[in-house]
Amino acid sequence: MKSTISLILLLFITIGYSEPEVIKRDNEPDFILTKDKKMDFAIKEAKSKVDEFIQRIKSTKNHEGFFIKKGFTYGKDEAEHIWLSLVSFKKNQFTATVSNKPVYVKNLKVGQKVLVKINEISDWMISSPKGLKGGYTIVALVYGTKDEKMYEENLNIDWSKYDFLKKAK
């Protein structure tokens, strides 16, 4: 389980709107900028299946391993998508905690609690020993890369469960 959590921490990935680029950060996960059309399909699929996540969070007492991703705006029309942890759901919105230091969004800090409306989610995931559920943007970034097999084994990813991969070819 510890290696699974470590991989997920490495995958607290953000998405921007410029050419693909990786920004390395000390003691923080890499920041990845991408325009890959797979990402658009991944976000669309995550949004279409958010009710699955809500049902799981409502029926589970321990929300360890539950995460959501939200795009926080900065600049004129830019968004930095940030993974949030310690997720709870009440009154049709999520409360969650900023998990990593934002690169561009200056009014957020690690550990800060934020409210997120259902329609603001760009991804969600549940990590458990049984395997990754959700994590669509992670799958979009990893699928077809040299690291695909490592993530498949460590996060127990079943690629066939991600319909957007067929659409994004």
C-alpha atoms as a PDB file:
ATOM      1  CA  MET A   1       0.000   0.000   0.000  1.00  0.00           C
ATOM      2  CA  LYS A   2       2.873   2.375   0.771  1.00  0.00           C
ATOM      3  CA  SER A   3       4.242   2.054  -2.786  1.00  0.00           C
ATOM      4  CA  THR A   4       0.756   2.721  -4.167  1.00  0.00           C
ATOM      5  CA  ILE A   5       0.464   5.907  -2.129  1.00  0.00           C
ATOM      6  CA  SER A   6       3.963   6.944  -3.259  1.00  0.00           C
ATOM      7  CA  LEU A   7       3.005   6.486  -6.911  1.00  0.00           C
ATOM      8  CA  ILE A   8      -0.186   8.453  -6.425  1.00  0.00           C
ATOM      9  CA  LEU A   9       1.754  11.256  -4.798  1.00  0.00           C
ATOM     10  CA  LEU A  10       4.047  11.266  -7.812  1.00  0.00           C
ATOM     11  CA  LEU A  11       0.963  11.537  -9.976  1.00  0.00           C
ATOM     12  CA  PHE A  12      -0.564  14.619  -8.347  1.00  0.00           C
ATOM     13  CA  ILE A  13      -0.459  16.112 -11.798  1.00  0.00           C
ATOM     14  CA  THR A  14      -1.714  19.422 -13.086  1.00  0.00           C
ATOM     15  CA  ILE A  15      -2.811  20.299 -16.584  1.00  0.00           C
ATOM     16  CA  GLY A  16      -2.286  23.557 -18.434  1.00  0.00           C
ATOM     17  CA  TYR A  17      -2.899  24.782 -21.931  1.00  0.00           C
ATOM     18  CA  SER A  18       0.497  24.972 -23.605  1.00  0.00           C
ATOM     19  CA  GLU A  19       2.787  22.514 -25.340  1.00  0.00           C
ATOM     20  CA  PRO A  20       3.640  19.390 -23.296  1.00  0.00           C
ATOM     21  CA  GLU A  21       6.241  20.276 -20.720  1.00  0.00           C
ATOM     22  CA  VAL A  22       7.399  18.846 -17.402  1.00  0.00           C
ATOM     23  CA  ILE A  23       8.415  21.194 -14.632  1.00  0.00           C
ATOM     24  CA  LYS A  24      10.490  19.423 -11.978  1.00  0.00           C
ATOM     25  CA  ARG A  25       9.976  20.600  -8.392  1.00  0.00           C
ATOM     26  CA  ASP A  26      11.902  19.789  -5.226  1.00  0.00           C
ATOM     27  CA  ASN A  27       9.846  17.727  -2.762  1.00  0.00           C
ATOM     28  CA  GLU A  28       6.756  18.060  -4.957  1.00  0.00           C
ATOM     29  CA  PRO A  29       5.341  16.004  -7.816  1.00  0.00           C
ATOM     30  CA  ASP A  30       6.218  17.058 -11.357  1.00  0.00           C
ATOM     31  CA  PHE A  31       3.955  19.652 -12.929  1.00  0.00           C
ATOM     32  CA  ILE A  32       2.855  18.558 -16.413  1.00  0.00           C
ATOM     33  CA  LEU A  33       1.504  20.889 -19.071  1.00  0.00           C
ATOM     34  CA  THR A  34      -0.305  19.156 -21.922  1.00  0.00           C
ATOM     35  CA  LYS A  35      -2.665  19.754 -24.841  1.00  0.00           C
ATOM     36  CA  ASP A  36      -3.134  16.048 -25.557  1.00  0.00           C
ATOM     37  CA  LYS A  37      -6.661  15.385 -26.835  1.00  0.00           C
ATOM     38  CA  LYS A  38      -6.690  12.268 -24.627  1.00  0.00           C
ATOM     39  CA  MET A  39      -6.832  14.655 -21.677  1.00  0.00           C
ATOM     40  CA  ASP A  40     -10.045  16.267 -22.946  1.00  0.00           C
ATOM     41  CA  PHE A  41     -11.622  12.821 -23.372  1.00  0.00           C
ATOM     42  CA  ALA A  42     -10.360  11.781 -19.913  1.00  0.00           C
ATOM     43  CA  ILE A  43     -11.912  14.814 -18.219  1.00  0.00           C
ATOM     44  CA  LYS A  44     -15.191  14.302 -20.081  1.00  0.00           C
ATOM     45  CA  GLU A  45     -15.347  10.647 -18.972  1.00  0.00           C
ATOM     46  CA  ALA A  46     -14.444  11.524 -15.359  1.00  0.00           C
ATOM     47  CA  LYS A  47     -17.247  14.083 -15.264  1.00  0.00           C
ATOM     48  CA  SER A  48     -19.735  11.631 -16.785  1.00  0.00           C
ATOM     49  CA  LYS A  49     -18.957   9.083 -14.055  1.00  0.00           C
ATOM     50  CA  VAL A  50     -18.699  11.384 -11.027  1.00  0.00           C
ATOM     51  CA  ASP A  51     -21.939   9.883  -9.626  1.00  0.00           C
ATOM     52  CA  GLU A  52     -20.029   6.600  -9.085  1.00  0.00           C
ATOM     53  CA  PHE A  53     -17.527   8.494  -6.948  1.00  0.00           C
ATOM     54  CA  ILE A  54     -20.266  10.264  -4.992  1.00  0.00           C
ATOM     55  CA  GLN A  55     -22.012   6.961  -4.260  1.00  0.00           C
ATOM     56  CA  ARG A  56     -18.738   5.422  -3.046  1.00  0.00           C
ATOM     57  CA  ILE A  57     -17.881   8.379  -0.843  1.00  0.00           C
ATOM     58  CA  LYS A  58     -21.381   8.374   0.674  1.00  0.00           C
ATOM     59  CA  SER A  59     -21.196   4.646   1.436  1.00  0.00           C
ATOM     60  CA  THR A  60     -17.665   4.613   2.892  1.00  0.00           C
ATOM     61  CA  LYS A  61     -16.690   5.914   6.322  1.00  0.00           C
ATOM     62  CA  ASN A  62     -12.932   6.106   5.715  1.00  0.00           C
ATOM     63  CA  HIS A  63     -12.130   8.380   2.782  1.00  0.00           C
ATOM     64  CA  GLU A  64      -8.401   7.662   2.734  1.00  0.00           C
ATOM     65  CA  GLY A  65      -7.463   7.073  -0.869  1.00  0.00           C
ATOM     66  CA  PHE A  66     -10.282   9.305  -2.203  1.00  0.00           C
ATOM     67  CA  PHE A  67      -9.150  12.260  -4.327  1.00  0.00           C
ATOM     68  CA  ILE A  68     -10.685  14.887  -6.601  1.00  0.00           C
ATOM     69  CA  LYS A  69      -9.082  17.264  -9.092  1.00  0.00           C
ATOM     70  CA  LYS A  70     -10.259  20.795  -9.755  1.00  0.00           C
ATOM     71  CA  GLY A  71      -9.101  23.485 -12.169  1.00  0.00           C
ATOM     72  CA  PHE A  72      -8.260  26.682 -10.289  1.00  0.00           C
ATOM     73  CA  THR A  73      -8.150  29.766 -12.481  1.00  0.00           C
ATOM     74  CA  TYR A  74      -5.293  32.205 -12.773  1.00  0.00           C
ATOM     75  CA  GLY A  75      -4.418  34.847 -15.333  1.00  0.00           C
ATOM     76  CA  LYS A  76      -6.957  35.682 -18.006  1.00  0.00           C
ATOM     77  CA  ASP A  77      -8.238  32.244 -19.068  1.00  0.00           C
ATOM     78  CA  GLU A  78      -5.787  29.774 -17.581  1.00  0.00           C
ATOM     79  CA  ALA A  79      -6.483  26.911 -15.163  1.00  0.00           C
ATOM     80  CA  GLU A  80      -4.171  24.829 -13.021  1.00  0.00           C
ATOM     81  CA  HIS A  81      -5.727  21.452 -12.235  1.00  0.00           C
ATOM     82  CA  ILE A  82      -4.770  20.357  -8.739  1.00  0.00           C
ATOM     83  CA  TRP A  83      -5.393  17.089  -6.890  1.00  0.00           C
ATOM     84  CA  LEU A  84      -7.179  17.448  -3.575  1.00  0.00           C
ATOM     85  CA  SER A  85      -7.263  14.894  -0.749  1.00  0.00           C
ATOM     86  CA  LEU A  86      -9.177  14.282   2.494  1.00  0.00           C
ATOM     87  CA  VAL A  87     -12.390  14.492   0.513  1.00  0.00           C
ATOM     88  CA  SER A  88     -15.823  14.618   2.103  1.00  0.00           C
ATOM     89  CA  PHE A  89     -19.214  15.230   0.496  1.00  0.00           C
ATOM     90  CA  LYS A  90     -22.149  17.127   2.031  1.00  0.00           C
ATOM     91  CA  LYS A  91     -24.931  19.324   0.724  1.00  0.00           C
ATOM     92  CA  ASN A  92     -24.064  18.647  -2.929  1.00  0.00           C
ATOM     93  CA  GLN A  93     -20.444  19.800  -2.671  1.00  0.00           C
ATOM     94  CA  PHE A  94     -17.065  18.434  -1.704  1.00  0.00           C
ATOM     95  CA  THR A  95     -14.730  19.681   0.986  1.00  0.00           C
ATOM     96  CA  ALA A  96     -11.121  18.741   0.303  1.00  0.00           C
ATOM     97  CA  THR A  97      -7.547  19.721   1.077  1.00  0.00           C
ATOM     98  CA  VAL A  98      -4.936  21.078  -1.348  1.00  0.00           C
ATOM     99  CA  SER A  99      -2.357  18.275  -1.628  1.00  0.00           C
ATOM    100  CA  ASN A 100       0.571  19.893  -3.403  1.00  0.00           C
ATOM    101  CA  LYS A 101       2.021  23.344  -3.893  1.00  0.00           C
ATOM    102  CA  PRO A 102       0.403  25.108  -6.854  1.00  0.00           C
ATOM    103  CA  VAL A 103       2.717  26.400  -9.569  1.00  0.00           C
ATOM    104  CA  TYR A 104       0.653  29.286 -10.948  1.00  0.00           C
ATOM    105  CA  VAL A 105      -2.291  29.731  -8.576  1.00  0.00           C
ATOM    106  CA  LYS A 106      -0.929  32.034  -5.891  1.00  0.00           C
ATOM    107  CA  ASN A 107      -3.962  32.213  -3.593  1.00  0.00           C
ATOM    108  CA  LEU A 108      -3.810  28.493  -2.628  1.00  0.00           C
ATOM    109  CA  LYS A 109      -1.451  26.683  -0.290  1.00  0.00           C
ATOM    110  CA  VAL A 110      -0.834  23.089   0.733  1.00  0.00           C
ATOM    111  CA  GLY A 111      -3.193  22.028   3.496  1.00  0.00           C
ATOM    112  CA  GLN A 112      -5.810  24.658   2.674  1.00  0.00           C
ATOM    113  CA  LYS A 113      -9.405  23.419   2.725  1.00  0.00           C
ATOM    114  CA  VAL A 114     -11.497  24.232  -0.336  1.00  0.00           C
ATOM    115  CA  LEU A 115     -15.104  23.732  -1.387  1.00  0.00           C
ATOM    116  CA  VAL A 116     -15.694  22.143  -4.791  1.00  0.00           C
ATOM    117  CA  LYS A 117     -19.008  21.937  -6.616  1.00  0.00           C
ATOM    118  CA  ILE A 118     -19.757  18.720  -8.499  1.00  0.00           C
ATOM    119  CA  ASN A 119     -19.497  20.433 -11.901  1.00  0.00           C
ATOM    120  CA  GLU A 120     -16.036  21.842 -11.025  1.00  0.00           C
ATOM    121  CA  ILE A 121     -14.371  18.437 -10.834  1.00  0.00           C
ATOM    122  CA  SER A 122     -11.990  17.607 -13.679  1.00  0.00           C
ATOM    123  CA  ASP A 123     -11.159  14.142 -12.294  1.00  0.00           C
ATOM    124  CA  TRP A 124     -11.646  11.867  -9.312  1.00  0.00           C
ATOM    125  CA  MET A 125      -9.997   8.697  -8.097  1.00  0.00           C
ATOM    126  CA  ILE A 126     -10.109   6.041  -5.457  1.00  0.00           C
ATOM    127  CA  SER A 127      -6.910   4.172  -4.745  1.00  0.00           C
ATOM    128  CA  SER A 128      -7.002   0.866  -2.929  1.00  0.00           C
ATOM    129  CA  PRO A 129      -5.190  -2.476  -2.989  1.00  0.00           C
ATOM    130  CA  LYS A 130      -7.975  -3.677  -5.326  1.00  0.00           C
ATOM    131  CA  GLY A 131      -6.819  -1.181  -7.934  1.00  0.00           C
ATOM    132  CA  LEU A 132      -7.268   2.325  -9.238  1.00  0.00           C
ATOM    133  CA  LYS A 133     -10.830   3.498  -9.788  1.00  0.00           C
ATOM    134  CA  GLY A 134     -11.146   6.740 -11.726  1.00  0.00           C
ATOM    135  CA  GLY A 135      -7.900   8.672 -12.158  1.00  0.00           C
ATOM    136  CA  TYR A 136      -8.779   9.332 -15.787  1.00  0.00           C
ATOM    137  CA  THR A 137      -6.244  12.129 -16.280  1.00  0.00           C
ATOM    138  CA  ILE A 138      -3.508   9.940 -14.794  1.00  0.00           C
ATOM    139  CA  VAL A 139      -4.426   7.168 -17.219  1.00  0.00           C
ATOM    140  CA  ALA A 140      -4.362   9.676 -20.101  1.00  0.00           C
ATOM    141  CA  LEU A 141      -0.817  10.723 -19.186  1.00  0.00           C
ATOM    142  CA  VAL A 142       0.563   7.238 -18.557  1.00  0.00           C
ATOM    143  CA  TYR A 143      -1.137   5.067 -21.206  1.00  0.00           C
ATOM    144  CA  GLY A 144       1.125   4.418 -24.175  1.00  0.00           C
ATOM    145  CA  THR A 145       4.283   5.629 -22.430  1.00  0.00           C
ATOM    146  CA  LYS A 146       7.356   3.693 -21.343  1.00  0.00           C
ATOM    147  CA  ASP A 147       6.019   3.830 -17.759  1.00  0.00           C
ATOM    148  CA  GLU A 148       2.645   2.250 -18.598  1.00  0.00           C
ATOM    149  CA  LYS A 149       3.550  -1.243 -17.348  1.00  0.00           C
ATOM    150  CA  MET A 150       4.983   0.067 -14.063  1.00  0.00           C
ATOM    151  CA  TYR A 151       1.790   2.001 -13.287  1.00  0.00           C
ATOM    152  CA  GLU A 152      -0.371  -0.921 -14.387  1.00  0.00           C
ATOM    153  CA  GLU A 153       1.396  -3.196 -11.919  1.00  0.00           C
ATOM    154  CA  ASN A 154       1.748  -0.763  -9.016  1.00  0.00           C
ATOM    155  CA  LEU A 155      -1.721   0.776  -9.191  1.00  0.00           C
ATOM    156  CA  ASN A 156      -3.452  -2.340 -10.540  1.00  0.00           C
ATOM    157  CA  ILE A 157      -4.868  -0.428 -13.518  1.00  0.00           C
ATOM    158  CA  ASP A 158      -7.261  -2.196 -15.863  1.00  0.00           C
ATOM    159  CA  TRP A 159      -6.898  -0.168 -19.075  1.00  0.00           C
ATOM    160  CA  SER A 160     -10.027  -1.734 -20.583  1.00  0.00           C
ATOM    161  CA  LYS A 161     -12.186   0.137 -18.036  1.00  0.00           C
ATOM    162  CA  TYR A 162     -11.261   3.479 -19.607  1.00  0.00           C
ATOM    163  CA  ASP A 163     -13.519   3.998 -22.637  1.00  0.00           C
ATOM    164  CA  PHE A 164     -11.948   7.336 -23.583  1.00  0.00           C
ATOM    165  CA  LEU A 165      -8.712   5.545 -24.602  1.00  0.00           C
ATOM    166  CA  LYS A 166     -10.556   4.044 -27.590  1.00  0.00           C
ATOM    167  CA  LYS A 167     -12.024   7.423 -28.578  1.00  0.00           C
ATOM    168  CA  ALA A 168      -8.762   9.343 -28.270  1.00  0.00           C
ATOM    169  CA  LYS A 169      -6.779   7.285 -30.812  1.00  0.00           C
END
